[in-house]
PDB file of N, CA and C in Angstrom:
ATOM      1  N   MET A   1       0.699  15.778  11.934  1.00  0.00           N
ATOM      2  CA  MET A   1      -0.302  15.589  10.902  1.00  0.00           C
ATOM      3  C   MET A   1      -0.889  14.182  11.018  1.00  0.00           C
ATOM      4  N   VAL A   2      -2.114  14.090  10.619  1.00  0.00           N
ATOM      5  CA  VAL A   2      -2.831  12.822  10.685  1.00  0.00           C
ATOM      6  C   VAL A   2      -3.527  12.568   9.346  1.00  0.00           C
ATOM      7  N   ALA A   3      -3.504  11.315   8.903  1.00  0.00           N
ATOM      8  CA  ALA A   3      -4.216  10.923   7.683  1.00  0.00           C
ATOM      9  C   ALA A   3      -4.785   9.522   7.886  1.00  0.00           C
ATOM     10  N   GLN A   4      -5.769   9.206   7.078  1.00  0.00           N
ATOM     11  CA  GLN A   4      -6.367   7.874   7.163  1.00  0.00           C
ATOM     12  C   GLN A   4      -6.095   7.096   5.881  1.00  0.00           C
ATOM     13  N   ILE A   5      -5.831   5.800   6.070  1.00  0.00           N
ATOM     14  CA  ILE A   5      -5.606   4.906   4.939  1.00  0.00           C
ATOM     15  C   ILE A   5      -6.495   3.680   5.101  1.00  0.00           C
ATOM     16  N   ASP A   6      -6.883   3.110   3.986  1.00  0.00           N
ATOM     17  CA  ASP A   6      -7.731   1.920   3.978  1.00  0.00           C
ATOM     18  C   ASP A   6      -6.893   0.707   3.617  1.00  0.00           C
ATOM     19  N   TYR A   7      -7.174  -0.402   4.285  1.00  0.00           N
ATOM     20  CA  TYR A   7      -6.474  -1.655   4.014  1.00  0.00           C
ATOM     21  C   TYR A   7      -7.405  -2.612   3.281  1.00  0.00           C
ATOM     22  N   PHE A   8      -6.903  -3.150   2.177  1.00  0.00           N
ATOM     23  CA  PHE A   8      -7.639  -4.123   1.382  1.00  0.00           C
ATOM     24  C   PHE A   8      -6.839  -5.421   1.371  1.00  0.00           C
ATOM     25  N   ASP A   9      -7.542  -6.538   1.493  1.00  0.00           N
ATOM     26  CA  ASP A   9      -6.871  -7.832   1.520  1.00  0.00           C
ATOM     27  C   ASP A   9      -7.493  -8.744   0.473  1.00  0.00           C
ATOM     28  N   CYS A  10      -6.670  -9.591  -0.109  1.00  0.00           N
ATOM     29  CA  CYS A  10      -7.141 -10.556  -1.102  1.00  0.00           C
ATOM     30  C   CYS A  10      -7.970 -11.632  -0.402  1.00  0.00           C
ATOM     31  N   LEU A  11      -9.119 -11.923  -0.953  1.00  0.00           N
ATOM     32  CA  LEU A  11     -10.016 -12.895  -0.336  1.00  0.00           C
ATOM     33  C   LEU A  11      -9.573 -14.328  -0.547  1.00  0.00           C
ATOM     34  N   ARG A  12      -9.008 -14.612  -1.699  1.00  0.00           N
ATOM     35  CA  ARG A  12      -8.569 -15.957  -2.052  1.00  0.00           C
ATOM     36  C   ARG A  12      -9.638 -17.019  -1.787  1.00  0.00           C
ATOM     37  N   ARG A  13     -10.833 -16.708  -2.243  1.00  0.00           N
ATOM     38  CA  ARG A  13     -11.923 -17.681  -2.108  1.00  0.00           C
ATOM     39  C   ARG A  13     -11.897 -18.645  -3.280  1.00  0.00           C
ATOM     40  N   THR A  14     -12.262 -19.859  -3.020  1.00  0.00           N
ATOM     41  CA  THR A  14     -12.392 -20.836  -4.085  1.00  0.00           C
ATOM     42  C   THR A  14     -13.845 -20.804  -4.556  1.00  0.00           C
ATOM     43  N   LEU A  15     -14.021 -20.520  -5.836  1.00  0.00           N
ATOM     44  CA  LEU A  15     -15.353 -20.452  -6.431  1.00  0.00           C
ATOM     45  C   LEU A  15     -15.486 -21.519  -7.503  1.00  0.00           C
ATOM     46  N   ARG A  16     -16.720 -21.793  -7.846  1.00  0.00           N
ATOM     47  CA  ARG A  16     -16.998 -22.840  -8.838  1.00  0.00           C
ATOM     48  C   ARG A  16     -17.524 -22.200 -10.123  1.00  0.00           C
ATOM     49  N   TYR A  17     -16.990 -22.649 -11.248  1.00  0.00           N
ATOM     50  CA  TYR A  17     -17.489 -22.222 -12.547  1.00  0.00           C
ATOM     51  C   TYR A  17     -18.893 -22.783 -12.754  1.00  0.00           C
ATOM     52  N   PRO A  18     -19.759 -22.080 -13.498  1.00  0.00           N
ATOM     53  CA  PRO A  18     -21.115 -22.598 -13.743  1.00  0.00           C
ATOM     54  C   PRO A  18     -21.118 -23.962 -14.447  1.00  0.00           C
ATOM     55  N   ASN A  19     -20.110 -24.192 -15.300  1.00  0.00           N
ATOM     56  CA  ASN A  19     -20.072 -25.469 -16.035  1.00  0.00           C
ATOM     57  C   ASN A  19     -19.177 -26.509 -15.355  1.00  0.00           C
ATOM     58  N   GLY A  20     -18.794 -26.247 -14.104  1.00  0.00           N
ATOM     59  CA  GLY A  20     -17.954 -27.189 -13.357  1.00  0.00           C
ATOM     60  C   GLY A  20     -16.539 -26.672 -13.210  1.00  0.00           C
ATOM     61  N   GLY A  21     -15.812 -27.244 -12.318  1.00  0.00           N
ATOM     62  CA  GLY A  21     -14.435 -26.822 -12.064  1.00  0.00           C
ATOM     63  C   GLY A  21     -14.376 -25.698 -11.031  1.00  0.00           C
ATOM     64  N   TYR A  22     -13.187 -25.444 -10.520  1.00  0.00           N
ATOM     65  CA  TYR A  22     -13.007 -24.448  -9.478  1.00  0.00           C
ATOM     66  C   TYR A  22     -11.903 -23.466  -9.866  1.00  0.00           C
ATOM     67  N   TYR A  23     -11.954 -22.278  -9.262  1.00  0.00           N
ATOM     68  CA  TYR A  23     -10.919 -21.277  -9.485  1.00  0.00           C
ATOM     69  C   TYR A  23     -10.787 -20.402  -8.238  1.00  0.00           C
ATOM     70  N   GLN A  24      -9.645 -19.733  -8.116  1.00  0.00           N
ATOM     71  CA  GLN A  24      -9.390 -18.829  -6.996  1.00  0.00           C
ATOM     72  C   GLN A  24      -9.851 -17.417  -7.376  1.00  0.00           C
ATOM     73  N   ASP A  25     -10.690 -16.829  -6.542  1.00  0.00           N
ATOM     74  CA  ASP A  25     -11.165 -15.466  -6.750  1.00  0.00           C
ATOM     75  C   ASP A  25     -10.064 -14.489  -6.328  1.00  0.00           C
ATOM     76  N   PRO A  26      -9.528 -13.695  -7.269  1.00  0.00           N
ATOM     77  CA  PRO A  26      -8.411 -12.803  -6.945  1.00  0.00           C
ATOM     78  C   PRO A  26      -8.827 -11.425  -6.423  1.00  0.00           C
ATOM     79  N   SER A  27     -10.096 -11.185  -6.225  1.00  0.00           N
ATOM     80  CA  SER A  27     -10.537  -9.839  -5.847  1.00  0.00           C
ATOM     81  C   SER A  27     -10.136  -9.494  -4.418  1.00  0.00           C
ATOM     82  N   SER A  28      -9.983  -8.191  -4.173  1.00  0.00           N
ATOM     83  CA  SER A  28      -9.643  -7.693  -2.850  1.00  0.00           C
ATOM     84  C   SER A  28     -10.865  -7.063  -2.212  1.00  0.00           C
ATOM     85  N   GLU A  29     -10.891  -7.068  -0.904  1.00  0.00           N
ATOM     86  CA  GLU A  29     -12.027  -6.523  -0.171  1.00  0.00           C
ATOM     87  C   GLU A  29     -11.535  -5.587   0.931  1.00  0.00           C
ATOM     88  N   PHE A  30     -12.278  -4.491   1.134  1.00  0.00           N
ATOM     89  CA  PHE A  30     -11.942  -3.549   2.192  1.00  0.00           C
ATOM     90  C   PHE A  30     -12.013  -4.255   3.538  1.00  0.00           C
ATOM     91  N   ILE A  31     -10.974  -4.073   4.364  1.00  0.00           N
ATOM     92  CA  ILE A  31     -10.920  -4.712   5.676  1.00  0.00           C
ATOM     93  C   ILE A  31     -11.095  -3.681   6.796  1.00  0.00           C
ATOM     94  N   LYS A  32     -10.278  -2.619   6.780  1.00  0.00           N
ATOM     95  CA  LYS A  32     -10.355  -1.632   7.858  1.00  0.00           C
ATOM     96  C   LYS A  32      -9.706  -0.323   7.449  1.00  0.00           C
ATOM     97  N   THR A  33      -9.996   0.733   8.216  1.00  0.00           N
ATOM     98  CA  THR A  33      -9.368   2.038   8.047  1.00  0.00           C
ATOM     99  C   THR A  33      -8.399   2.242   9.201  1.00  0.00           C
ATOM    100  N   GLU A  34      -7.192   2.690   8.872  1.00  0.00           N
ATOM    101  CA  GLU A  34      -6.176   2.969   9.883  1.00  0.00           C
ATOM    102  C   GLU A  34      -5.825   4.448   9.856  1.00  0.00           C
ATOM    103  N   THR A  35      -5.390   4.959  10.996  1.00  0.00           N
ATOM    104  CA  THR A  35      -4.928   6.336  11.099  1.00  0.00           C
ATOM    105  C   THR A  35      -3.416   6.313  11.259  1.00  0.00           C
ATOM    106  N   ILE A  36      -2.729   7.116  10.430  1.00  0.00           N
ATOM    107  CA  ILE A  36      -1.285   7.230  10.565  1.00  0.00           C
ATOM    108  C   ILE A  36      -0.954   8.659  10.964  1.00  0.00           C
ATOM    109  N   GLU A  37       0.113   8.817  11.729  1.00  0.00           N
ATOM    110  CA  GLU A  37       0.512  10.130  12.228  1.00  0.00           C
ATOM    111  C   GLU A  37       1.975  10.384  11.906  1.00  0.00           C
ATOM    112  N   GLY A  38       2.269  11.630  11.570  1.00  0.00           N
ATOM    113  CA  GLY A  38       3.642  12.037  11.307  1.00  0.00           C
ATOM    114  C   GLY A  38       3.797  13.519  11.574  1.00  0.00           C
ATOM    115  N   LYS A  39       5.047  13.959  11.653  1.00  0.00           N
ATOM    116  CA  LYS A  39       5.285  15.375  11.956  1.00  0.00           C
ATOM    117  C   LYS A  39       5.019  16.274  10.743  1.00  0.00           C
ATOM    118  N   ASP A  40       5.093  15.692   9.535  1.00  0.00           N
ATOM    119  CA  ASP A  40       4.806  16.456   8.320  1.00  0.00           C
ATOM    120  C   ASP A  40       4.335  15.507   7.215  1.00  0.00           C
ATOM    121  N   GLU A  41       4.047  16.065   6.054  1.00  0.00           N
ATOM    122  CA  GLU A  41       3.552  15.250   4.933  1.00  0.00           C
ATOM    123  C   GLU A  41       4.558  14.184   4.519  1.00  0.00           C
ATOM    124  N   ILE A  42       5.821  14.554   4.476  1.00  0.00           N
ATOM    125  CA  ILE A  42       6.860  13.622   4.037  1.00  0.00           C
ATOM    126  C   ILE A  42       6.882  12.378   4.931  1.00  0.00           C
ATOM    127  N   GLU A  43       6.787  12.587   6.230  1.00  0.00           N
ATOM    128  CA  GLU A  43       6.786  11.439   7.141  1.00  0.00           C
ATOM    129  C   GLU A  43       5.552  10.565   6.926  1.00  0.00           C
ATOM    130  N   LEU A  44       4.402  11.168   6.659  1.00  0.00           N
ATOM    131  CA  LEU A  44       3.197  10.391   6.348  1.00  0.00           C
ATOM    132  C   LEU A  44       3.399   9.567   5.082  1.00  0.00           C
ATOM    133  N   PHE A  45       3.991  10.178   4.068  1.00  0.00           N
ATOM    134  CA  PHE A  45       4.236   9.469   2.811  1.00  0.00           C
ATOM    135  C   PHE A  45       5.182   8.291   3.027  1.00  0.00           C
ATOM    136  N   GLU A  46       6.219   8.496   3.843  1.00  0.00           N
ATOM    137  CA  GLU A  46       7.165   7.421   4.112  1.00  0.00           C
ATOM    138  C   GLU A  46       6.500   6.273   4.878  1.00  0.00           C
ATOM    139  N   ILE A  47       5.654   6.600   5.840  1.00  0.00           N
ATOM    140  CA  ILE A  47       4.929   5.572   6.591  1.00  0.00           C
ATOM    141  C   ILE A  47       4.032   4.767   5.654  1.00  0.00           C
ATOM    142  N   PHE A  48       3.287   5.487   4.798  1.00  0.00           N
ATOM    143  CA  PHE A  48       2.406   4.822   3.831  1.00  0.00           C
ATOM    144  C   PHE A  48       3.212   3.922   2.900  1.00  0.00           C
ATOM    145  N   TYR A  49       4.323   4.433   2.388  1.00  0.00           N
ATOM    146  CA  TYR A  49       5.174   3.666   1.479  1.00  0.00           C
ATOM    147  C   TYR A  49       5.652   2.379   2.144  1.00  0.00           C
ATOM    148  N   LYS A  50       6.133   2.482   3.386  1.00  0.00           N
ATOM    149  CA  LYS A  50       6.640   1.312   4.096  1.00  0.00           C
ATOM    150  C   LYS A  50       5.541   0.284   4.361  1.00  0.00           C
ATOM    151  N   LYS A  51       4.340   0.754   4.695  1.00  0.00           N
ATOM    152  CA  LYS A  51       3.227  -0.170   4.932  1.00  0.00           C
ATOM    153  C   LYS A  51       2.871  -0.917   3.643  1.00  0.00           C
ATOM    154  N   ASN A  52       2.807  -0.208   2.532  1.00  0.00           N
ATOM    155  CA  ASN A  52       2.489  -0.856   1.255  1.00  0.00           C
ATOM    156  C   ASN A  52       3.627  -1.753   0.793  1.00  0.00           C
ATOM    157  N   ASN A  53       4.858  -1.309   1.001  1.00  0.00           N
ATOM    158  CA  ASN A  53       6.019  -2.085   0.593  1.00  0.00           C
ATOM    159  C   ASN A  53       6.098  -3.404   1.357  1.00  0.00           C
ATOM    160  N   ARG A  54       5.667  -3.388   2.601  1.00  0.00           N
ATOM    161  CA  ARG A  54       5.649  -4.591   3.433  1.00  0.00           C
ATOM    162  C   ARG A  54       4.735  -5.661   2.823  1.00  0.00           C
ATOM    163  N   LEU A  55       3.746  -5.242   2.041  1.00  0.00           N
ATOM    164  CA  LEU A  55       2.778  -6.167   1.437  1.00  0.00           C
ATOM    165  C   LEU A  55       3.128  -6.559   0.005  1.00  0.00           C
ATOM    166  N   ARG A  56       4.317  -6.217  -0.459  1.00  0.00           N
ATOM    167  CA  ARG A  56       4.633  -6.416  -1.882  1.00  0.00           C
ATOM    168  C   ARG A  56       4.562  -7.864  -2.341  1.00  0.00           C
ATOM    169  N   TYR A  57       4.694  -8.827  -1.428  1.00  0.00           N
ATOM    170  CA  TYR A  57       4.595 -10.237  -1.814  1.00  0.00           C
ATOM    171  C   TYR A  57       3.254 -10.862  -1.435  1.00  0.00           C
ATOM    172  N   CYS A  58       2.354 -10.064  -0.882  1.00  0.00           N
ATOM    173  CA  CYS A  58       1.012 -10.553  -0.534  1.00  0.00           C
ATOM    174  C   CYS A  58       0.086 -10.180  -1.688  1.00  0.00           C
ATOM    175  N   ASN A  59      -0.053 -11.045  -2.645  1.00  0.00           N
ATOM    176  CA  ASN A  59      -0.839 -10.741  -3.840  1.00  0.00           C
ATOM    177  C   ASN A  59      -2.252 -10.318  -3.486  1.00  0.00           C
ATOM    178  N   GLY A  60      -2.600  -9.138  -3.947  1.00  0.00           N
ATOM    179  CA  GLY A  60      -3.952  -8.636  -3.740  1.00  0.00           C
ATOM    180  C   GLY A  60      -4.142  -7.811  -2.490  1.00  0.00           C
ATOM    181  N   SER A  61      -3.155  -7.728  -1.608  1.00  0.00           N
ATOM    182  CA  SER A  61      -3.264  -6.921  -0.392  1.00  0.00           C
ATOM    183  C   SER A  61      -2.576  -5.577  -0.613  1.00  0.00           C
ATOM    184  N   TYR A  62      -3.193  -4.500  -0.157  1.00  0.00           N
ATOM    185  CA  TYR A  62      -2.604  -3.178  -0.344  1.00  0.00           C
ATOM    186  C   TYR A  62      -3.294  -2.153   0.546  1.00  0.00           C
ATOM    187  N   TYR A  63      -2.639  -0.999   0.691  1.00  0.00           N
ATOM    188  CA  TYR A  63      -3.210   0.161   1.364  1.00  0.00           C
ATOM    189  C   TYR A  63      -3.545   1.205   0.315  1.00  0.00           C
ATOM    190  N   LYS A  64      -4.541   2.006   0.614  1.00  0.00           N
ATOM    191  CA  LYS A  64      -4.956   3.077  -0.278  1.00  0.00           C
ATOM    192  C   LYS A  64      -5.347   4.276   0.579  1.00  0.00           C
ATOM    193  N   TRP A  65      -5.014   5.471   0.118  1.00  0.00           N
ATOM    194  CA  TRP A  65      -5.401   6.676   0.844  1.00  0.00           C
ATOM    195  C   TRP A  65      -6.915   6.795   0.858  1.00  0.00           C
ATOM    196  N   THR A  66      -7.488   7.109   2.002  1.00  0.00           N
ATOM    197  CA  THR A  66      -8.931   7.292   2.121  1.00  0.00           C
ATOM    198  C   THR A  66      -9.368   8.555   1.378  1.00  0.00           C
ATOM    199  N   ASP A  67      -8.545   9.593   1.475  1.00  0.00           N
ATOM    200  CA  ASP A  67      -8.857  10.897   0.896  1.00  0.00           C
ATOM    201  C   ASP A  67      -8.109  11.076  -0.428  1.00  0.00           C
ATOM    202  N   LYS A  68      -8.822  11.461  -1.465  1.00  0.00           N
ATOM    203  CA  LYS A  68      -8.235  11.659  -2.798  1.00  0.00           C
ATOM    204  C   LYS A  68      -7.147  12.730  -2.779  1.00  0.00           C
ATOM    205  N   VAL A  69      -7.289  13.732  -1.931  1.00  0.00           N
ATOM    206  CA  VAL A  69      -6.294  14.803  -1.841  1.00  0.00           C
ATOM    207  C   VAL A  69      -4.942  14.220  -1.426  1.00  0.00           C
ATOM    208  N   TRP A  70      -4.942  13.332  -0.416  1.00  0.00           N
ATOM    209  CA  TRP A  70      -3.697  12.701   0.015  1.00  0.00           C
ATOM    210  C   TRP A  70      -3.143  11.807  -1.085  1.00  0.00           C
ATOM    211  N   GLU A  71      -4.002  11.141  -1.804  1.00  0.00           N
ATOM    212  CA  GLU A  71      -3.563  10.278  -2.903  1.00  0.00           C
ATOM    213  C   GLU A  71      -2.827  11.084  -3.971  1.00  0.00           C
ATOM    214  N   ASP A  72      -3.375  12.257  -4.309  1.00  0.00           N
ATOM    215  CA  ASP A  72      -2.745  13.124  -5.300  1.00  0.00           C
ATOM    216  C   ASP A  72      -1.410  13.678  -4.803  1.00  0.00           C
ATOM    217  N   LYS A  73      -1.362  14.083  -3.536  1.00  0.00           N
ATOM    218  CA  LYS A  73      -0.111  14.598  -2.963  1.00  0.00           C
ATOM    219  C   LYS A  73       0.957  13.508  -2.940  1.00  0.00           C
ATOM    220  N   TYR A  74       0.546  12.294  -2.613  1.00  0.00           N
ATOM    221  CA  TYR A  74       1.481  11.167  -2.577  1.00  0.00           C
ATOM    222  C   TYR A  74       2.038  10.880  -3.976  1.00  0.00           C
ATOM    223  N   ALA A  75       1.182  10.921  -4.972  1.00  0.00           N
ATOM    224  CA  ALA A  75       1.619  10.691  -6.354  1.00  0.00           C
ATOM    225  C   ALA A  75       2.643  11.748  -6.774  1.00  0.00           C
ATOM    226  N   GLU A  76       2.433  12.981  -6.370  1.00  0.00           N
ATOM    227  CA  GLU A  76       3.393  14.051  -6.662  1.00  0.00           C
ATOM    228  C   GLU A  76       4.713  13.795  -5.937  1.00  0.00           C
ATOM    229  N   TRP A  77       4.639  13.350  -4.692  1.00  0.00           N
ATOM    230  CA  TRP A  77       5.844  13.087  -3.920  1.00  0.00           C
ATOM    231  C   TRP A  77       6.673  11.983  -4.570  1.00  0.00           C
ATOM    232  N   LEU A  78       6.008  10.960  -5.101  1.00  0.00           N
ATOM    233  CA  LEU A  78       6.732   9.874  -5.760  1.00  0.00           C
ATOM    234  C   LEU A  78       7.526  10.353  -6.977  1.00  0.00           C
ATOM    235  N   LYS A  79       7.138  11.484  -7.537  1.00  0.00           N
ATOM    236  CA  LYS A  79       7.847  12.060  -8.689  1.00  0.00           C
ATOM    237  C   LYS A  79       8.901  13.074  -8.266  1.00  0.00           C
ATOM    238  N   SER A  80       8.966  13.388  -6.978  1.00  0.00           N
ATOM    239  CA  SER A  80       9.841  14.468  -6.495  1.00  0.00           C
ATOM    240  C   SER A  80      11.286  14.004  -6.273  1.00  0.00           C
ATOM    241  N   ASP A  81      12.169  14.988  -6.132  1.00  0.00           N
ATOM    242  CA  ASP A  81      13.572  14.715  -5.826  1.00  0.00           C
ATOM    243  C   ASP A  81      13.724  14.120  -4.433  1.00  0.00           C
ATOM    244  N   ASP A  82      12.872  14.529  -3.508  1.00  0.00           N
ATOM    245  CA  ASP A  82      12.939  14.004  -2.146  1.00  0.00           C
ATOM    246  C   ASP A  82      12.785  12.493  -2.161  1.00  0.00           C
ATOM    247  N   TYR A  83      11.819  11.987  -2.922  1.00  0.00           N
ATOM    248  CA  TYR A  83      11.622  10.542  -3.014  1.00  0.00           C
ATOM    249  C   TYR A  83      12.831   9.876  -3.672  1.00  0.00           C
ATOM    250  N   GLU A  84      13.351  10.488  -4.717  1.00  0.00           N
ATOM    251  CA  GLU A  84      14.504   9.910  -5.421  1.00  0.00           C
ATOM    252  C   GLU A  84      15.683   9.724  -4.481  1.00  0.00           C
ATOM    253  N   LYS A  85      15.894  10.665  -3.573  1.00  0.00           N
ATOM    254  CA  LYS A  85      17.010  10.574  -2.626  1.00  0.00           C
ATOM    255  C   LYS A  85      16.789   9.461  -1.603  1.00  0.00           C
ATOM    256  N   LYS A  86      15.544   9.187  -1.254  1.00  0.00           N
ATOM    257  CA  LYS A  86      15.230   8.245  -0.176  1.00  0.00           C
ATOM    258  C   LYS A  86      14.763   6.876  -0.661  1.00  0.00           C
ATOM    259  N   SER A  87      14.489   6.720  -1.937  1.00  0.00           N
ATOM    260  CA  SER A  87      13.835   5.508  -2.437  1.00  0.00           C
ATOM    261  C   SER A  87      14.602   4.229  -2.122  1.00  0.00           C
ATOM    262  N   PHE A  88      15.924   4.237  -2.244  1.00  0.00           N
ATOM    263  CA  PHE A  88      16.707   3.033  -1.983  1.00  0.00           C
ATOM    264  C   PHE A  88      16.549   2.603  -0.532  1.00  0.00           C
ATOM    265  N   ASN A  89      16.698   3.531   0.401  1.00  0.00           N
ATOM    266  CA  ASN A  89      16.578   3.212   1.818  1.00  0.00           C
ATOM    267  C   ASN A  89      15.149   2.823   2.189  1.00  0.00           C
ATOM    268  N   LEU A  90      14.162   3.454   1.567  1.00  0.00           N
ATOM    269  CA  LEU A  90      12.772   3.102   1.855  1.00  0.00           C
ATOM    270  C   LEU A  90      12.476   1.675   1.394  1.00  0.00           C
ATOM    271  N   TYR A  91      13.001   1.310   0.236  1.00  0.00           N
ATOM    272  CA  TYR A  91      12.711  -0.015  -0.317  1.00  0.00           C
ATOM    273  C   TYR A  91      13.427  -1.117   0.454  1.00  0.00           C
ATOM    274  N   TYR A  92      14.737  -0.929   0.694  1.00  0.00           N
ATOM    275  CA  TYR A  92      15.528  -1.979   1.316  1.00  0.00           C
ATOM    276  C   TYR A  92      15.646  -1.854   2.832  1.00  0.00           C
ATOM    277  N   GLY A  93      15.291  -0.696   3.396  1.00  0.00           N
ATOM    278  CA  GLY A  93      15.404  -0.506   4.842  1.00  0.00           C
ATOM    279  C   GLY A  93      16.850  -0.627   5.278  1.00  0.00           C
ATOM    280  N   ASN A  94      17.114  -1.433   6.283  1.00  0.00           N
ATOM    281  CA  ASN A  94      18.484  -1.628   6.766  1.00  0.00           C
ATOM    282  C   ASN A  94      19.107  -2.900   6.217  1.00  0.00           C
ATOM    283  N   GLY A  95      18.503  -3.440   5.173  1.00  0.00           N
ATOM    284  CA  GLY A  95      19.025  -4.679   4.599  1.00  0.00           C
ATOM    285  C   GLY A  95      20.342  -4.477   3.878  1.00  0.00           C
ATOM    286  N   VAL A  96      21.053  -5.556   3.668  1.00  0.00           N
ATOM    287  CA  VAL A  96      22.321  -5.525   2.961  1.00  0.00           C
ATOM    288  C   VAL A  96      22.067  -5.934   1.524  1.00  0.00           C
ATOM    289  N   VAL A  97      22.544  -5.107   0.604  1.00  0.00           N
ATOM    290  CA  VAL A  97      22.365  -5.385  -0.819  1.00  0.00           C
ATOM    291  C   VAL A  97      23.736  -5.544  -1.457  1.00  0.00           C
ATOM    292  N   ASP A  98      23.966  -6.679  -2.103  1.00  0.00           N
ATOM    293  CA  ASP A  98      25.270  -6.914  -2.752  1.00  0.00           C
ATOM    294  C   ASP A  98      25.233  -6.416  -4.163  1.00  0.00           C
TER     295      ASP A  98
END
C-alpha cells in the first residue's frame, strides 16, 4: 500500500510589530509531500506515527495526511485495540524506560 503525507515546518521568522519591537512568528508552512509504503494500513499508520513522533520536540513541525480518507482511518486506528497494544513500543522504540 502507498499513501502520501505532507510535511510542515515552523518558519521561526522574526517579525516586527507595527508599533516597534520584535516577535517570533510561530506559523508552519508546507514544505514537501512524501510517499510512504507499507504492506498494509497498519504498517502505514505505524510509519506515520513514528515520523510525527520523531518531531515531537520540534515546535511547529509535523506531518499530515494528504488525503482526508487516510486521516480519518488513522484517527480510528488511534482509538483501536491494535494501537493500545503497540503504543508503548511505538512511543519509546527500543529505549530503556525505568
